[in-house]
Amino acid sequence: MTDIRILDAEAARSAIPDLCEILSDGINSGASLGFMLPFTPGNAVTYWREIADAVAAGSIILAVAEHEGRIVGTVQVGLASKPNQPHRGDLMKLLVHRSARGLGLSRKLMAAVEEEAARRGRTLLVLDTATGSEAEAIYPRFGWERVGVIPDYALWPQGGYCGTTLFYKRIG
């Protein structure tokens, strides 16, 4: 059984151990998620505590996928705070643990977080992802429009430049 939930701050804090495992799995498998190797458990805990605080502040939507009693996937939308962008959000960190891939969790997570973002008044979502990554191929299947590529935008966790591909999607 799979369940997709939008977490409040208390639930986000309770989920930190599982979220740390998912983030570590992604980074250690080579995903470009804003962190470098070596990646420590302390790095993960600090990151997820900051996200839980942002959920409490109302600046981030955090969704999780639970399968067989444990959290195995997550995605976030950062709600733009600039006065001229109240309609926009930034999709971040779509992650599904390698042990749970192939179950359609990415699609379910995306649908849930897009619905919640629309409920909160967002009509446009944007994202960037590493060019050439598995993730780059997923987003068009979910209705996201590719905008273009910025070369040498970031580093892979193990080092070396990677480009980023920009996408957007109108929702609501």
Protein backbone atom coordinates (compact mmCIF):
# COMPACT_ATOMS: atom_id res chain seq x y z
CA MET A 1 0.00 0.00 0.00
CA THR A 2 1.27 3.46 -0.94
CA ASP A 3 0.16 6.68 0.69
CA ILE A 4 1.10 10.23 -0.37
CA ARG A 5 0.91 12.89 2.33
CA ILE A 6 1.57 16.60 2.66
CA LEU A 7 3.44 17.04 5.94
CA ASP A 8 3.02 19.73 8.55
CA ALA A 9 6.08 20.82 10.55
CA GLU A 10 5.56 18.27 13.35
CA ALA A 11 5.23 15.40 10.88
CA ALA A 12 8.25 16.70 8.95
CA ARG A 13 10.36 16.63 12.10
CA SER A 14 9.18 13.10 12.89
CA ALA A 15 10.08 12.01 9.35
CA ILE A 16 13.68 13.28 9.49
CA PRO A 17 15.30 9.82 9.89
CA ASP A 18 13.55 8.44 6.78
CA LEU A 19 14.11 11.67 4.84
CA CYS A 20 17.83 11.52 5.70
CA GLU A 21 18.01 8.00 4.30
CA ILE A 22 16.31 9.05 1.05
CA LEU A 23 18.58 12.07 0.60
CA SER A 24 21.72 10.05 1.35
CA ASP A 25 20.62 7.36 -1.09
CA GLY A 26 20.17 9.95 -3.84
CA ILE A 27 23.50 11.68 -3.25
CA ASN A 28 25.43 8.43 -2.89
CA SER A 29 23.93 7.23 -6.18
CA GLY A 30 25.33 10.33 -7.91
CA ALA A 31 22.31 12.65 -8.09
CA SER A 32 23.09 16.37 -8.19
CA LEU A 33 21.12 17.65 -5.21
CA GLY A 34 23.24 20.56 -4.03
CA PHE A 35 25.60 18.53 -1.85
CA MET A 36 29.12 17.19 -2.31
CA LEU A 37 30.73 13.90 -1.30
CA PRO A 38 31.58 12.90 1.30
CA PHE A 39 28.04 13.44 2.55
CA THR A 40 27.57 12.80 6.25
CA PRO A 41 24.49 11.94 8.32
CA GLY A 42 24.96 15.30 10.05
CA ASN A 43 24.64 17.09 6.70
CA ALA A 44 21.33 15.33 6.10
CA VAL A 45 19.92 16.05 9.56
CA THR A 46 20.83 19.74 9.31
CA TYR A 47 19.21 20.01 5.87
CA TRP A 48 15.94 18.34 6.91
CA ARG A 49 15.69 20.39 10.11
CA GLU A 50 15.93 23.53 7.97
CA ILE A 51 13.19 22.17 5.70
CA ALA A 52 10.94 21.37 8.69
CA ASP A 53 11.46 24.94 9.92
CA ALA A 54 10.50 26.25 6.46
CA VAL A 55 7.37 24.06 6.51
CA ALA A 56 6.50 25.60 9.89
CA ALA A 57 7.02 29.08 8.42
CA GLY A 58 4.73 28.27 5.49
CA SER A 59 7.43 28.79 2.88
CA ILE A 60 7.76 25.15 1.75
CA ILE A 61 5.29 22.41 0.89
CA LEU A 62 6.72 18.98 1.73
CA ALA A 63 5.15 15.79 0.37
CA VAL A 64 6.18 12.22 1.12
CA ALA A 65 5.40 8.79 -0.28
CA GLU A 66 4.98 5.96 2.20
CA HIS A 67 5.25 2.37 1.02
CA GLU A 68 4.96 -0.66 3.27
CA GLY A 69 5.10 1.49 6.39
CA ARG A 70 8.11 3.65 5.64
CA ILE A 71 8.78 6.91 3.83
CA VAL A 72 10.52 6.13 0.53
CA GLY A 73 9.97 9.30 -1.51
CA THR A 74 9.66 13.04 -1.16
CA VAL A 75 9.32 16.31 -3.07
CA GLN A 76 9.08 19.97 -2.10
CA VAL A 77 7.73 23.21 -3.48
CA GLY A 78 9.33 26.41 -2.25
CA LEU A 79 6.69 29.13 -2.30
CA ALA A 80 8.13 32.27 -3.89
CA SER A 81 8.09 35.14 -1.41
CA LYS A 82 8.83 38.09 -3.67
CA PRO A 83 5.94 40.57 -3.88
CA ASN A 84 5.84 40.32 -7.67
CA GLN A 85 5.75 36.49 -7.70
CA PRO A 86 2.90 35.37 -5.43
CA HIS A 87 1.75 32.96 -8.14
CA ARG A 88 5.04 31.01 -8.46
CA GLY A 89 6.73 28.10 -6.74
CA ASP A 90 10.01 26.21 -7.13
CA LEU A 91 9.85 22.43 -7.32
CA MET A 92 12.77 20.89 -5.44
CA LYS A 93 14.27 17.54 -4.53
CA LEU A 94 12.01 14.94 -6.13
CA LEU A 95 13.57 11.85 -4.55
CA VAL A 96 12.53 8.21 -4.52
CA HIS A 97 14.73 5.70 -2.72
CA ARG A 98 16.32 3.23 -5.15
CA SER A 99 14.54 0.37 -3.35
CA ALA A 100 11.13 1.87 -4.22
CA ARG A 101 11.63 2.95 -7.83
CA GLY A 102 9.32 1.63 -10.52
CA LEU A 103 6.18 1.95 -8.37
CA GLY A 104 4.95 5.21 -9.90
CA LEU A 105 5.78 7.20 -6.77
CA SER A 106 7.36 10.13 -8.63
CA ARG A 107 4.16 10.70 -10.58
CA LYS A 108 2.03 10.46 -7.42
CA LEU A 109 4.30 12.80 -5.47
CA MET A 110 4.28 15.34 -8.29
CA ALA A 111 0.48 15.24 -8.59
CA ALA A 112 0.05 15.74 -4.84
CA VAL A 113 2.49 18.63 -4.50
CA GLU A 114 1.15 20.35 -7.63
CA GLU A 115 -2.40 20.07 -6.27
CA GLU A 116 -1.34 21.52 -2.91
CA ALA A 117 0.60 24.35 -4.59
CA ALA A 118 -2.49 25.20 -6.66
CA ARG A 119 -4.62 25.11 -3.51
CA ARG A 120 -2.22 27.68 -2.05
CA GLY A 121 -2.70 29.99 -5.02
CA ARG A 122 0.24 29.01 -7.20
CA THR A 123 -0.33 28.83 -10.94
CA LEU A 124 3.25 28.42 -12.16
CA LEU A 125 5.97 26.04 -11.00
CA VAL A 126 9.59 26.01 -12.14
CA LEU A 127 12.47 23.61 -11.57
CA ASP A 128 16.02 22.92 -12.58
CA THR A 129 17.65 19.51 -12.79
CA ALA A 130 21.04 18.16 -13.81
CA THR A 131 21.34 17.89 -17.58
CA GLY A 132 21.76 14.27 -18.62
CA SER A 133 20.38 12.90 -15.36
CA GLU A 134 17.58 10.35 -15.01
CA ALA A 135 15.44 13.12 -13.57
CA GLU A 136 15.71 15.22 -16.74
CA ALA A 137 13.84 12.54 -18.69
CA ILE A 138 11.03 12.25 -16.13
CA TYR A 139 9.63 15.77 -16.05
CA PRO A 140 8.34 16.00 -19.65
CA ARG A 141 6.29 12.84 -18.98
CA PHE A 142 4.57 14.75 -16.17
CA GLY A 143 3.63 17.68 -18.42
CA TRP A 144 6.59 19.96 -17.69
CA GLU A 145 7.90 22.16 -20.51
CA ARG A 146 11.65 22.28 -21.13
CA VAL A 147 13.02 25.83 -21.35
CA GLY A 148 16.72 25.28 -21.97
CA VAL A 149 20.12 24.40 -20.56
CA ILE A 150 22.65 26.41 -18.58
CA PRO A 151 26.08 24.78 -19.02
CA ASP A 152 28.43 24.23 -16.07
CA TYR A 153 25.76 25.38 -13.61
CA ALA A 154 26.72 23.16 -10.67
CA LEU A 155 28.95 20.29 -9.62
CA TRP A 156 28.16 16.60 -9.43
CA PRO A 157 28.53 15.25 -5.86
CA GLN A 158 31.82 13.59 -6.79
CA GLY A 159 33.10 16.72 -8.57
CA GLY A 160 33.03 17.88 -12.18
CA TYR A 161 30.70 20.40 -13.75
CA CYS A 162 27.17 19.60 -14.83
CA GLY A 163 24.69 21.69 -16.72
CA THR A 164 21.18 22.31 -15.52
CA THR A 165 18.00 22.01 -17.56
CA LEU A 166 15.16 24.39 -16.73
CA PHE A 167 11.49 23.40 -16.82
CA TYR A 168 8.15 25.04 -16.01
CA LYS A 169 4.56 23.91 -15.63
CA ARG A 170 1.31 25.85 -15.38
CA ILE A 171 -0.99 24.42 -12.73
CA GLY A 172 -4.38 25.16 -11.20
